[in-house]
């Protein structure tokens, strides 16, 4: 049954990618706010479809920590799922991502609508400078910037090396960091076809101020909060 449910979800998601992707050339002519509404609608459609077909739901804790101002979100990355739900629970945002994702037919074209910060990971210092410059512009425009500091999806219970770019961007731009943890990987794992039913918890931490602080200290605070919360989430049985 789990396989059939997962197959149904994947088929439906593919249909939405094709249908929405076909509209990208027209939507690309619209102002950013309209383009973002289009991509957010796609994300919400697939979240509802995931709930209907696979029984994957979510709950949030720490909503009171959501600020009114633009922030740099530093989040755990376990699954494709959080790239959908962040578009639903956060204000308009942009992603820091590897530029190769924009080359994907249809899906990549949709990503391009959202003014992403697409970097060449092999460019070294130039990639960092590009991220800092474009990130500053996005924040100045009132957009949130989402960065996965470990740089890739990590299985539940695993920790990667936290990279300094997000904390450095926040410190230079004078905006807070918002730490986020979740256990999506328990239900929708990295490169896993099967989606298990249950409820994912998204935990929003208190903002971490960056004014007059060393970015390394900011990153350390974010990492400590994320990983301590992650341990609690990973040790909590998911509701069925």
Protein backbone atom coordinates (compact mmCIF):
# COMPACT_ATOMS: atom_id res chain seq x y z
CA UNK A 1 0.00 0.00 0.00
CA UNK A 2 2.84 2.41 0.81
CA UNK A 3 4.36 1.73 -2.60
CA UNK A 4 1.07 2.37 -4.40
CA UNK A 5 0.46 5.56 -2.44
CA UNK A 6 3.98 6.77 -3.18
CA UNK A 7 3.60 5.92 -6.86
CA UNK A 8 0.32 7.85 -7.01
CA UNK A 9 1.93 10.86 -5.37
CA UNK A 10 4.94 10.79 -7.70
CA UNK A 11 2.73 10.51 -10.77
CA UNK A 12 0.63 13.45 -9.63
CA UNK A 13 3.68 15.56 -8.83
CA UNK A 14 5.08 14.85 -12.29
CA UNK A 15 1.80 16.01 -13.82
CA UNK A 16 2.01 19.29 -11.89
CA UNK A 17 5.62 19.82 -12.97
CA UNK A 18 4.62 19.40 -16.62
CA UNK A 19 1.46 21.50 -16.32
CA UNK A 20 2.99 24.36 -14.35
CA UNK A 21 6.23 24.14 -16.32
CA UNK A 22 4.36 24.69 -19.56
CA UNK A 23 3.13 28.01 -18.18
CA UNK A 24 6.57 29.27 -17.13
CA UNK A 25 7.26 31.24 -20.35
CA UNK A 26 4.09 33.25 -19.74
CA UNK A 27 4.51 33.61 -15.98
CA UNK A 28 8.12 34.77 -16.47
CA UNK A 29 6.73 38.02 -17.93
CA UNK A 30 4.92 38.88 -14.68
CA UNK A 31 6.26 40.88 -11.72
CA UNK A 32 8.10 38.92 -9.03
CA UNK A 33 5.17 38.90 -6.60
CA UNK A 34 2.95 37.21 -9.18
CA UNK A 35 5.70 34.76 -10.15
CA UNK A 36 6.23 33.85 -6.52
CA UNK A 37 2.50 33.32 -5.99
CA UNK A 38 2.59 30.92 -8.95
CA UNK A 39 5.44 28.82 -7.55
CA UNK A 40 3.95 28.91 -4.04
CA UNK A 41 0.67 27.59 -5.44
CA UNK A 42 2.58 24.71 -7.04
CA UNK A 43 4.23 23.88 -3.71
CA UNK A 44 0.95 24.01 -1.80
CA UNK A 45 -0.76 21.84 -4.40
CA UNK A 46 1.86 19.14 -3.92
CA UNK A 47 1.75 19.37 -0.14
CA UNK A 48 -2.00 18.77 -0.19
CA UNK A 49 -1.54 15.95 -2.71
CA UNK A 50 1.14 14.39 -0.48
CA UNK A 51 -1.22 14.53 2.49
CA UNK A 52 -4.08 13.01 0.50
CA UNK A 53 -2.11 10.20 -1.14
CA UNK A 54 0.53 9.35 1.46
CA UNK A 55 -0.82 10.67 4.73
CA UNK A 56 2.17 12.97 5.31
CA UNK A 57 1.18 15.94 7.45
CA UNK A 58 3.10 18.47 9.47
CA UNK A 59 2.91 20.62 12.55
CA UNK A 60 4.88 23.66 13.58
CA UNK A 61 6.36 24.56 16.94
CA UNK A 62 7.87 27.94 17.68
CA UNK A 63 5.60 29.97 15.36
CA UNK A 64 5.92 32.82 17.84
CA UNK A 65 9.57 33.11 16.82
CA UNK A 66 8.74 34.09 13.24
CA UNK A 67 9.94 37.69 12.80
CA UNK A 68 8.40 40.44 10.73
CA UNK A 69 11.69 41.49 9.15
CA UNK A 70 13.79 39.69 6.51
CA UNK A 71 16.14 37.06 7.91
CA UNK A 72 18.61 34.44 6.79
CA UNK A 73 17.09 31.02 7.50
CA UNK A 74 19.62 28.34 8.41
CA UNK A 75 17.87 24.99 8.24
CA UNK A 76 18.51 21.31 8.40
CA UNK A 77 18.17 19.68 4.99
CA UNK A 78 16.90 16.08 4.99
CA UNK A 79 14.40 15.87 2.18
CA UNK A 80 12.73 17.47 -0.82
CA UNK A 81 9.78 18.09 1.49
CA UNK A 82 11.14 21.20 3.22
CA UNK A 83 11.64 22.94 -0.12
CA UNK A 84 7.86 22.71 -0.51
CA UNK A 85 6.72 23.55 3.00
CA UNK A 86 8.99 26.57 3.47
CA UNK A 87 7.11 28.25 0.64
CA UNK A 88 3.90 27.75 2.60
CA UNK A 89 4.97 28.72 6.13
CA UNK A 90 7.43 31.56 5.45
CA UNK A 91 7.06 34.95 3.74
CA UNK A 92 8.42 35.25 0.18
CA UNK A 93 11.88 33.75 0.10
CA UNK A 94 14.76 32.86 -2.16
CA UNK A 95 17.06 29.86 -2.08
CA UNK A 96 20.80 29.57 -2.24
CA UNK A 97 21.29 26.58 -4.54
CA UNK A 98 23.72 24.98 -6.92
CA UNK A 99 23.25 26.42 -10.38
CA UNK A 100 22.94 22.99 -12.01
CA UNK A 101 19.38 22.76 -10.66
CA UNK A 102 18.33 25.53 -13.05
CA UNK A 103 19.30 23.34 -16.00
CA UNK A 104 16.60 20.77 -15.24
CA UNK A 105 13.81 20.89 -17.84
CA UNK A 106 10.53 22.38 -16.55
CA UNK A 107 11.44 22.09 -12.86
CA UNK A 108 14.55 24.22 -13.21
CA UNK A 109 12.65 26.77 -15.24
CA UNK A 110 10.18 27.09 -12.38
CA UNK A 111 13.02 27.59 -9.92
CA UNK A 112 14.36 30.42 -12.05
CA UNK A 113 11.11 32.35 -11.57
CA UNK A 114 11.92 32.87 -7.90
CA UNK A 115 15.14 34.92 -8.18
CA UNK A 116 17.31 32.16 -6.65
CA UNK A 117 20.93 32.69 -5.71
CA UNK A 118 22.38 30.02 -7.98
CA UNK A 119 26.09 29.50 -7.38
CA UNK A 120 28.86 27.47 -8.95
CA UNK A 121 30.15 25.35 -6.09
CA UNK A 122 33.45 24.85 -7.86
CA UNK A 123 34.15 28.57 -8.08
CA UNK A 124 35.52 28.82 -4.55
CA UNK A 125 35.81 32.38 -3.29
CA UNK A 126 33.94 33.77 -6.31
CA UNK A 127 30.91 31.68 -5.34
CA UNK A 128 31.00 33.11 -1.83
CA UNK A 129 31.26 36.67 -3.13
CA UNK A 130 28.37 36.04 -5.50
CA UNK A 131 26.23 34.65 -2.69
CA UNK A 132 27.01 37.60 -0.40
CA UNK A 133 26.31 40.20 -3.09
CA UNK A 134 23.08 38.67 -4.39
CA UNK A 135 21.93 37.76 -0.89
CA UNK A 136 22.33 41.37 0.23
CA UNK A 137 20.21 42.53 -2.71
CA UNK A 138 17.47 40.00 -1.94
CA UNK A 139 17.36 40.98 1.73
CA UNK A 140 17.28 44.67 0.81
CA UNK A 141 14.23 43.88 -1.33
CA UNK A 142 12.46 42.42 1.70
CA UNK A 143 12.92 38.75 0.80
CA UNK A 144 14.02 36.01 3.17
CA UNK A 145 17.07 33.97 2.20
CA UNK A 146 17.12 30.23 2.91
CA UNK A 147 20.46 28.44 3.21
CA UNK A 148 21.13 24.81 4.09
CA UNK A 149 24.46 25.27 5.89
CA UNK A 150 25.52 21.64 5.56
CA UNK A 151 25.28 22.04 1.79
CA UNK A 152 23.43 18.80 1.11
CA UNK A 153 20.68 16.56 2.45
CA UNK A 154 21.69 14.68 5.57
CA UNK A 155 19.98 11.47 6.76
CA UNK A 156 18.29 11.59 10.18
CA UNK A 157 20.84 11.34 12.96
CA UNK A 158 23.70 12.61 10.80
CA UNK A 159 25.47 15.96 11.01
CA UNK A 160 27.50 17.56 8.26
CA UNK A 161 30.01 20.40 8.48
CA UNK A 162 28.23 23.71 8.90
CA UNK A 163 29.56 26.20 6.38
CA UNK A 164 29.93 29.88 7.31
CA UNK A 165 28.28 31.57 4.29
CA UNK A 166 24.82 32.04 5.78
CA UNK A 167 26.05 33.52 9.05
CA UNK A 168 28.46 35.77 7.16
CA UNK A 169 25.67 37.02 4.88
CA UNK A 170 23.41 37.77 7.85
CA UNK A 171 26.16 39.61 9.72
CA UNK A 172 27.13 41.72 6.71
CA UNK A 173 23.51 42.53 5.89
CA UNK A 174 22.68 43.31 9.51
CA UNK A 175 19.77 40.87 9.70
CA UNK A 176 19.12 38.06 12.19
CA UNK A 177 19.52 34.34 11.59
CA UNK A 178 16.49 32.11 12.04
CA UNK A 179 17.41 28.48 12.90
CA UNK A 180 15.05 25.71 11.77
CA UNK A 181 15.02 21.99 12.52
CA UNK A 182 12.66 19.28 11.29
CA UNK A 183 12.42 15.50 10.91
CA UNK A 184 11.11 15.23 7.34
CA UNK A 185 13.77 12.64 6.52
CA UNK A 186 11.97 10.10 8.68
CA UNK A 187 9.02 10.08 6.27
CA UNK A 188 10.53 11.25 2.98
CA UNK A 189 14.17 10.28 2.98
CA UNK A 190 16.98 11.37 0.71
CA UNK A 191 16.55 9.71 -2.70
CA UNK A 192 13.78 7.54 -1.22
CA UNK A 193 10.79 6.71 -3.36
CA UNK A 194 8.58 5.55 -0.50
CA UNK A 195 6.81 8.17 1.63
CA UNK A 196 5.72 6.91 5.04
CA UNK A 197 2.53 8.27 6.65
CA UNK A 198 2.95 10.41 9.72
CA UNK A 199 3.36 13.94 11.02
CA UNK A 200 6.53 15.92 10.47
CA UNK A 201 7.51 18.48 13.08
CA UNK A 202 9.02 21.78 11.95
CA UNK A 203 10.69 23.60 14.84
CA UNK A 204 11.35 27.34 14.53
CA UNK A 205 14.03 28.66 16.86
CA UNK A 206 14.45 32.12 18.39
CA UNK A 207 16.16 34.58 16.06
CA UNK A 208 19.89 34.94 16.56
CA UNK A 209 20.99 38.55 16.39
CA UNK A 210 24.10 39.33 14.37
CA UNK A 211 24.80 43.00 15.19
CA UNK A 212 28.37 43.51 16.43
CA UNK A 213 28.93 39.75 16.55
CA UNK A 214 31.51 37.48 14.99
CA UNK A 215 29.82 35.42 12.22
CA UNK A 216 31.58 32.33 13.59
CA UNK A 217 29.82 32.81 16.92
CA UNK A 218 26.49 33.30 15.14
CA UNK A 219 27.02 30.09 13.18
CA UNK A 220 27.96 28.22 16.36
CA UNK A 221 24.76 29.39 18.10
CA UNK A 222 22.67 28.34 15.11
CA UNK A 223 24.35 24.95 14.83
CA UNK A 224 23.99 24.25 18.54
CA UNK A 225 20.28 25.09 18.51
CA UNK A 226 19.53 23.15 15.32
CA UNK A 227 21.43 20.02 16.36
CA UNK A 228 20.08 19.95 19.92
CA UNK A 229 16.53 20.32 18.60
CA UNK A 230 17.28 17.79 15.86
CA UNK A 231 18.31 15.24 18.44
CA UNK A 232 15.02 15.74 20.28
CA UNK A 233 13.03 15.39 17.07
CA UNK A 234 14.93 12.32 15.89
CA UNK A 235 14.31 10.64 19.23
CA UNK A 236 10.60 11.36 19.18
CA UNK A 237 8.33 8.79 17.59
CA UNK A 238 6.39 10.21 14.64
CA UNK A 239 2.65 10.04 15.05
CA UNK A 240 0.84 7.68 12.70
